[in-house]
Amino acid sequence: MSIKRIVVHHAPTKSHDHIVNALPKPDWIKTRIRQSSVFEQTSNLVKNHKLNTVCTEAACPNIGECWSQRHATVMILGSICTRACAFCNVATGRPNPIDHEEPERVAKMVQQLSLRHVVITSVDRDDLPDGGAQHFSNVIHAIRKALPTVTIEILTPDFLRKDGALPIISKAKPDVFNHNMETVPRLYPTIRPGARYFQSMKLLYEAKLLQPDVFTKSGLMVGLGENKEEVLQVMDDLRCAQVDFLTIGQYLQPTPKHAAVKAYIHPDIFEEYARIARAKGFLQVSASPMTRSSYHADADFEILKNKRRILSVTN
């Protein structure tokens, strides 16, 4: 199955010239922020409960749409990350101590928003012995106590060199375990230098082994200089790890200091990637220029459940 590669044009290759010669955004990249009363309500709840969100910290282009639908991805364990990934807008440095009251505040916000599905993520906390795994577990338990009907999706760090972290989270049994691969292995040294491709793949595989009934999920950014064969290889690796759900979105450079966009991938290519991913066996695929890991997560979770139900009946 072949894939045409359609791009606007390639970025310059000279050092630092992405700062002055950034690629112009094509028409299909839309980042309008839609203000509404619900948007303001969501924003106020986040502020009142003194919470961080990946929506604001990572400058997500979908914040207007999501917050206007009462969807916010809560970022626990502070707003300072111990990693310095070239694509990420979250601040890097020495994090503050764990806020042990945070789980209760997260649970109260989820309850006040009357959420059906919530996504919880975090910064990397390489400074903690368990990488923050117990805090993730505490948040899951607090949410379930406050609102037993809500389904919980977690988007975790890779827990590199944190033996025993994954079983702690697995025991709390979230409904979806998400960890993003982010890019192809060749680009890890420059795009995700603090991470290891096979550690991330191993984490997803072991999460499925520990809790086979929990959906596993991962995401890729494209436009960083990868080629189609590399994208398809990551798909194959994820299927070997029994990952259920794949997201693919266009990388957007958050500031001139971050990695440059090498190409804007045409929507037709995203559609073809989605067709191929479904053919490879993913239960659910979300692939578009504006797709992000937690974008439409609640609706996608319902699709996942329905597809698993259909498969169980046919098998």
Protein backbone atom coordinates (compact mmCIF):
# COMPACT_ATOMS: atom_id res chain seq x y z
CA MET A 1 0.00 0.00 0.00
CA SER A 2 1.71 3.22 -1.10
CA ILE A 3 1.40 6.67 0.36
CA LYS A 4 1.83 9.88 -1.57
CA ARG A 5 3.73 12.45 0.41
CA ILE A 6 2.10 15.84 0.00
CA VAL A 7 3.71 18.79 1.76
CA VAL A 8 3.73 22.54 1.36
CA HIS A 9 7.52 22.67 1.06
CA HIS A 10 10.56 21.70 3.06
CA ALA A 11 12.11 23.82 5.76
CA PRO A 12 15.57 25.34 5.29
CA THR A 13 18.45 23.21 6.52
CA LYS A 14 20.91 25.84 7.79
CA SER A 15 21.40 26.11 11.54
CA HIS A 16 18.87 28.41 13.29
CA ASP A 17 17.27 29.60 10.04
CA HIS A 18 13.93 28.17 11.23
CA ILE A 19 13.83 31.21 13.50
CA VAL A 20 13.65 33.69 10.61
CA ASN A 21 12.39 31.50 7.78
CA ALA A 22 9.60 29.43 9.37
CA LEU A 23 7.29 27.60 7.00
CA PRO A 24 4.02 29.43 6.36
CA LYS A 25 1.02 27.58 7.75
CA PRO A 26 -1.28 26.13 5.08
CA ASP A 27 -5.01 26.77 4.95
CA TRP A 28 -5.89 23.50 6.66
CA ILE A 29 -4.14 24.47 9.90
CA LYS A 30 -6.76 26.30 11.95
CA THR A 31 -6.09 27.49 15.49
CA ARG A 32 -8.99 29.78 16.29
CA ILE A 33 -9.80 30.17 19.99
CA ARG A 34 -13.56 30.25 20.50
CA GLN A 35 -14.60 32.09 23.64
CA SER A 36 -17.86 31.17 25.31
CA SER A 37 -19.49 31.15 28.72
CA VAL A 38 -18.60 27.46 29.09
CA PHE A 39 -14.99 28.23 28.11
CA GLU A 40 -14.87 30.85 30.87
CA GLN A 41 -16.45 28.44 33.36
CA THR A 42 -13.86 25.78 32.60
CA SER A 43 -11.05 28.33 32.81
CA ASN A 44 -12.31 29.63 36.16
CA LEU A 45 -12.62 26.14 37.62
CA VAL A 46 -9.04 25.36 36.63
CA LYS A 47 -7.84 28.58 38.27
CA ASN A 48 -9.99 28.24 41.38
CA HIS A 49 -8.73 24.73 42.06
CA LYS A 50 -5.13 25.82 41.38
CA LEU A 51 -4.62 23.18 38.72
CA ASN A 52 -2.41 22.99 35.67
CA THR A 53 -3.58 21.81 32.27
CA VAL A 54 -1.62 20.60 29.30
CA CYS A 55 -4.04 22.71 27.26
CA THR A 56 -2.39 25.92 28.46
CA GLU A 57 1.11 24.74 29.39
CA ALA A 58 1.68 23.05 26.02
CA ALA A 59 -0.16 25.77 24.06
CA CYS A 60 -2.63 23.32 22.52
CA PRO A 61 -4.35 24.76 19.42
CA ASN A 62 -7.64 23.04 20.31
CA ILE A 63 -8.12 24.72 23.68
CA GLY A 64 -11.02 26.89 22.49
CA GLU A 65 -13.06 23.97 21.20
CA CYS A 66 -12.27 21.63 24.10
CA TRP A 67 -12.82 24.07 26.95
CA SER A 68 -16.07 25.21 25.36
CA GLN A 69 -17.21 21.57 25.69
CA ARG A 70 -15.97 21.24 29.30
CA HIS A 71 -13.00 19.13 28.24
CA ALA A 72 -9.71 19.93 29.94
CA THR A 73 -6.66 17.69 30.25
CA VAL A 74 -5.37 18.10 33.78
CA MET A 75 -1.60 18.10 34.21
CA ILE A 76 -0.61 16.85 37.65
CA LEU A 77 2.72 16.88 39.54
CA GLY A 78 3.36 20.55 38.81
CA SER A 79 4.11 22.58 35.71
CA ILE A 80 7.90 22.13 35.59
CA CYS A 81 9.32 19.14 33.72
CA THR A 82 12.68 17.45 34.29
CA ARG A 83 13.04 16.78 30.56
CA ALA A 84 13.72 19.23 27.73
CA CYS A 85 12.06 17.75 24.66
CA ALA A 86 12.55 19.83 21.52
CA PHE A 87 8.84 19.83 20.64
CA CYS A 88 7.31 20.63 24.02
CA ASN A 89 6.34 24.04 25.41
CA VAL A 90 6.19 22.93 29.07
CA ALA A 91 8.82 24.63 31.25
CA THR A 92 11.98 22.69 32.15
CA GLY A 93 13.77 22.92 35.47
CA ARG A 94 13.70 21.76 39.08
CA PRO A 95 10.12 20.84 40.03
CA ASN A 96 8.44 21.75 43.29
CA PRO A 97 7.64 19.09 45.91
CA ILE A 98 4.52 16.98 45.35
CA ASP A 99 1.26 18.72 46.29
CA HIS A 100 -0.53 16.01 48.26
CA GLU A 101 -3.82 17.92 48.17
CA GLU A 102 -3.88 17.97 44.37
CA PRO A 103 -5.82 14.67 43.95
CA GLU A 104 -8.78 16.07 45.91
CA ARG A 105 -8.77 19.32 43.93
CA VAL A 106 -8.70 17.42 40.64
CA ALA A 107 -11.60 15.26 41.82
CA LYS A 108 -13.65 18.31 42.80
CA MET A 109 -13.14 19.94 39.42
CA VAL A 110 -14.12 16.75 37.59
CA GLN A 111 -17.24 16.55 39.75
CA GLN A 112 -18.19 20.19 39.18
CA LEU A 113 -17.78 19.81 35.41
CA SER A 114 -19.93 16.63 35.54
CA LEU A 115 -17.48 14.92 33.22
CA ARG A 116 -18.14 11.54 31.65
CA HIS A 117 -14.49 11.08 30.68
CA VAL A 118 -11.38 12.80 32.01
CA VAL A 119 -7.77 12.80 30.82
CA ILE A 120 -4.98 13.11 33.38
CA THR A 121 -1.39 13.70 32.31
CA SER A 122 1.78 14.94 33.99
CA VAL A 123 5.19 16.41 33.49
CA ASP A 124 8.15 14.05 33.66
CA ARG A 125 9.36 13.73 37.24
CA ASP A 126 12.74 12.03 36.98
CA ASP A 127 13.50 13.48 40.42
CA LEU A 128 10.98 11.18 42.14
CA PRO A 129 11.82 7.54 43.02
CA ASP A 130 8.62 6.29 41.34
CA GLY A 131 8.40 9.02 38.70
CA GLY A 132 5.10 10.15 40.22
CA ALA A 133 3.30 6.82 39.79
CA GLN A 134 1.77 6.82 43.29
CA HIS A 135 0.45 10.34 42.73
CA PHE A 136 -1.24 9.18 39.52
CA SER A 137 -2.82 6.35 41.52
CA ASN A 138 -3.98 8.77 44.22
CA VAL A 139 -5.60 11.00 41.61
CA ILE A 140 -7.42 8.06 40.01
CA HIS A 141 -8.79 6.91 43.37
CA ALA A 142 -9.87 10.43 44.35
CA ILE A 143 -11.76 10.93 41.08
CA ARG A 144 -13.50 7.56 41.38
CA LYS A 145 -14.56 8.37 44.93
CA ALA A 146 -15.97 11.77 43.91
CA LEU A 147 -17.64 10.66 40.67
CA PRO A 148 -17.85 6.85 40.29
CA THR A 149 -19.40 7.05 36.81
CA VAL A 150 -16.53 8.92 35.17
CA THR A 151 -14.09 7.04 32.94
CA ILE A 152 -10.42 7.91 33.41
CA GLU A 153 -7.71 8.15 30.79
CA ILE A 154 -4.14 8.71 31.88
CA LEU A 155 -1.31 9.97 29.67
CA THR A 156 1.91 9.06 31.46
CA PRO A 157 5.63 9.73 31.18
CA ASP A 158 7.89 6.83 30.21
CA PHE A 159 9.04 6.04 33.79
CA LEU A 160 12.57 5.50 32.52
CA ARG A 161 14.64 3.71 35.19
CA LYS A 162 11.66 3.73 37.60
CA ASP A 163 11.25 0.05 38.42
CA GLY A 164 7.90 -0.72 39.99
CA ALA A 165 6.18 2.45 38.76
CA LEU A 166 3.94 0.82 36.18
CA PRO A 167 2.41 -1.79 38.55
CA ILE A 168 1.39 1.00 40.92
CA ILE A 169 -0.61 2.72 38.19
CA SER A 170 -1.86 -0.55 36.74
CA LYS A 171 -3.33 -1.57 40.10
CA ALA A 172 -5.44 1.62 40.10
CA LYS A 173 -6.85 0.40 36.77
CA PRO A 174 -7.55 3.48 34.64
CA ASP A 175 -9.92 2.93 31.72
CA VAL A 176 -7.30 4.02 29.17
CA PHE A 177 -3.51 3.88 29.55
CA ASN A 178 -1.88 6.31 27.15
CA HIS A 179 1.79 6.94 26.52
CA ASN A 180 2.88 8.80 23.40
CA MET A 181 5.75 7.62 21.21
CA GLU A 182 5.79 11.18 19.80
CA THR A 183 8.11 10.52 16.84
CA VAL A 184 10.04 7.85 14.95
CA PRO A 185 13.13 6.27 16.57
CA ARG A 186 15.63 7.99 14.25
CA LEU A 187 14.53 11.39 15.56
CA TYR A 188 14.64 10.59 19.28
CA PRO A 189 18.18 11.97 19.86
CA THR A 190 17.14 15.44 18.66
CA ILE A 191 13.39 15.56 19.37
CA ARG A 192 13.07 13.48 22.53
CA PRO A 193 16.66 13.24 23.83
CA GLY A 194 15.81 12.23 27.41
CA ALA A 195 13.67 9.28 26.29
CA ARG A 196 14.32 5.88 24.75
CA TYR A 197 12.13 4.51 21.96
CA PHE A 198 12.14 0.93 23.19
CA GLN A 199 11.48 1.97 26.79
CA SER A 200 8.28 3.68 25.62
CA MET A 201 7.29 0.66 23.54
CA LYS A 202 8.06 -1.67 26.45
CA LEU A 203 5.92 0.44 28.78
CA LEU A 204 2.90 0.12 26.50
CA TYR A 205 3.42 -3.61 26.07
CA GLU A 206 3.76 -4.25 29.80
CA ALA A 207 0.72 -2.08 30.56
CA LYS A 208 -1.34 -4.36 28.33
CA LEU A 209 0.14 -7.49 29.94
CA LEU A 210 -0.67 -6.24 33.45
CA GLN A 211 -4.24 -5.19 32.63
CA PRO A 212 -5.45 -6.76 29.35
CA ASP A 213 -8.90 -5.17 29.72
CA VAL A 214 -7.52 -1.62 29.92
CA PHE A 215 -7.35 0.11 26.55
CA THR A 216 -3.84 1.21 25.56
CA LYS A 217 -3.20 4.25 23.40
CA SER A 218 -0.28 6.09 21.84
CA GLY A 219 0.33 9.09 19.60
CA LEU A 220 2.67 10.36 16.91
CA MET A 221 3.50 13.82 15.60
CA VAL A 222 4.37 14.14 11.92
CA GLY A 223 6.11 16.93 10.05
CA LEU A 224 9.36 16.63 12.01
CA GLY A 225 11.33 15.08 9.15
CA GLU A 226 10.14 11.48 9.36
CA ASN A 227 9.35 9.47 6.23
CA LYS A 228 6.38 7.22 5.50
CA GLU A 229 8.30 3.97 6.01
CA GLU A 230 9.30 5.10 9.49
CA VAL A 231 5.71 5.99 10.39
CA LEU A 232 4.48 2.60 9.21
CA GLN A 233 7.22 0.86 11.20
CA VAL A 234 6.09 2.61 14.38
CA MET A 235 2.54 1.43 13.63
CA ASP A 236 3.82 -2.14 13.33
CA ASP A 237 5.77 -1.86 16.59
CA LEU A 238 2.70 -0.52 18.39
CA ARG A 239 0.56 -3.36 17.11
CA CYS A 240 3.19 -5.84 18.33
CA ALA A 241 2.77 -4.15 21.72
CA GLN A 242 -1.01 -4.73 21.37
CA VAL A 243 -1.83 -1.01 21.45
CA ASP A 244 -5.52 -0.41 20.76
CA PHE A 245 -5.70 3.26 19.78
CA LEU A 246 -3.39 5.43 17.66
CA THR A 247 -3.47 9.21 17.24
CA ILE A 248 -1.48 11.06 14.56
CA GLY A 249 -1.31 14.86 14.36
CA GLN A 250 0.69 17.63 12.73
CA TYR A 251 3.58 18.98 14.77
CA LEU A 252 3.34 22.74 15.30
CA GLN A 253 6.35 24.68 16.52
CA PRO A 254 5.33 26.38 19.82
CA THR A 255 8.15 28.98 19.82
CA PRO A 256 11.16 29.82 17.61
CA LYS A 257 13.39 28.04 20.15
CA HIS A 258 11.72 24.69 19.55
CA ALA A 259 12.28 22.17 16.76
CA ALA A 260 11.32 23.51 13.35
CA VAL A 261 8.43 22.18 11.30
CA LYS A 262 10.04 20.33 8.41
CA ALA A 263 6.80 19.83 6.47
CA TYR A 264 3.06 20.38 6.75
CA ILE A 265 1.42 17.10 5.90
CA HIS A 266 -1.66 17.27 3.70
CA PRO A 267 -5.00 16.06 5.15
CA ASP A 268 -5.17 13.39 2.43
CA ILE A 269 -2.04 11.81 3.87
CA PHE A 270 -3.57 11.73 7.33
CA GLU A 271 -6.60 9.95 5.90
CA GLU A 272 -4.36 7.40 4.22
CA TYR A 273 -2.35 6.87 7.40
CA ALA A 274 -5.66 6.26 9.20
CA ARG A 275 -6.77 3.68 6.63
CA ILE A 276 -3.48 1.84 6.90
CA ALA A 277 -3.52 1.92 10.71
CA ARG A 278 -7.03 0.46 10.79
CA ALA A 279 -5.93 -2.25 8.37
CA LYS A 280 -3.07 -3.09 10.71
CA GLY A 281 -5.56 -3.82 13.47
CA PHE A 282 -5.90 -0.72 15.65
CA LEU A 283 -9.37 -0.62 17.19
CA GLN A 284 -9.51 3.15 16.88
CA VAL A 285 -7.48 5.68 14.89
CA SER A 286 -7.62 9.46 14.98
CA ALA A 287 -5.44 11.11 12.33
CA SER A 288 -5.73 14.70 11.13
CA PRO A 289 -3.60 17.84 11.17
CA MET A 290 -5.25 19.08 14.37
CA THR A 291 -5.44 15.74 16.17
CA ARG A 292 -3.88 15.77 19.62
CA SER A 293 -3.59 12.95 22.12
CA SER A 294 -6.64 13.88 24.20
CA TYR A 295 -8.64 15.59 21.44
CA HIS A 296 -12.22 14.19 21.45
CA ALA A 297 -11.04 11.59 23.97
CA ASP A 298 -14.52 11.04 25.40
CA ALA A 299 -16.11 10.27 22.03
CA ASP A 300 -13.17 8.08 21.03
CA PHE A 301 -13.51 6.08 24.23
CA GLU A 302 -17.13 5.28 23.40
CA ILE A 303 -16.03 4.10 19.94
CA LEU A 304 -13.37 1.88 21.53
CA LYS A 305 -15.92 0.28 23.85
CA ASN A 306 -18.37 -0.35 21.03
CA LYS A 307 -15.72 -1.89 18.78
CA ARG A 308 -14.54 -4.20 21.56
CA ARG A 309 -18.15 -5.21 22.21
CA ILE A 310 -18.67 -6.02 18.52
CA LEU A 311 -15.45 -8.05 18.41
CA SER A 312 -16.42 -10.04 21.48
CA VAL A 313 -19.76 -10.94 19.90
CA THR A 314 -18.30 -11.92 16.52
CA ASN A 315 -15.57 -13.99 18.15
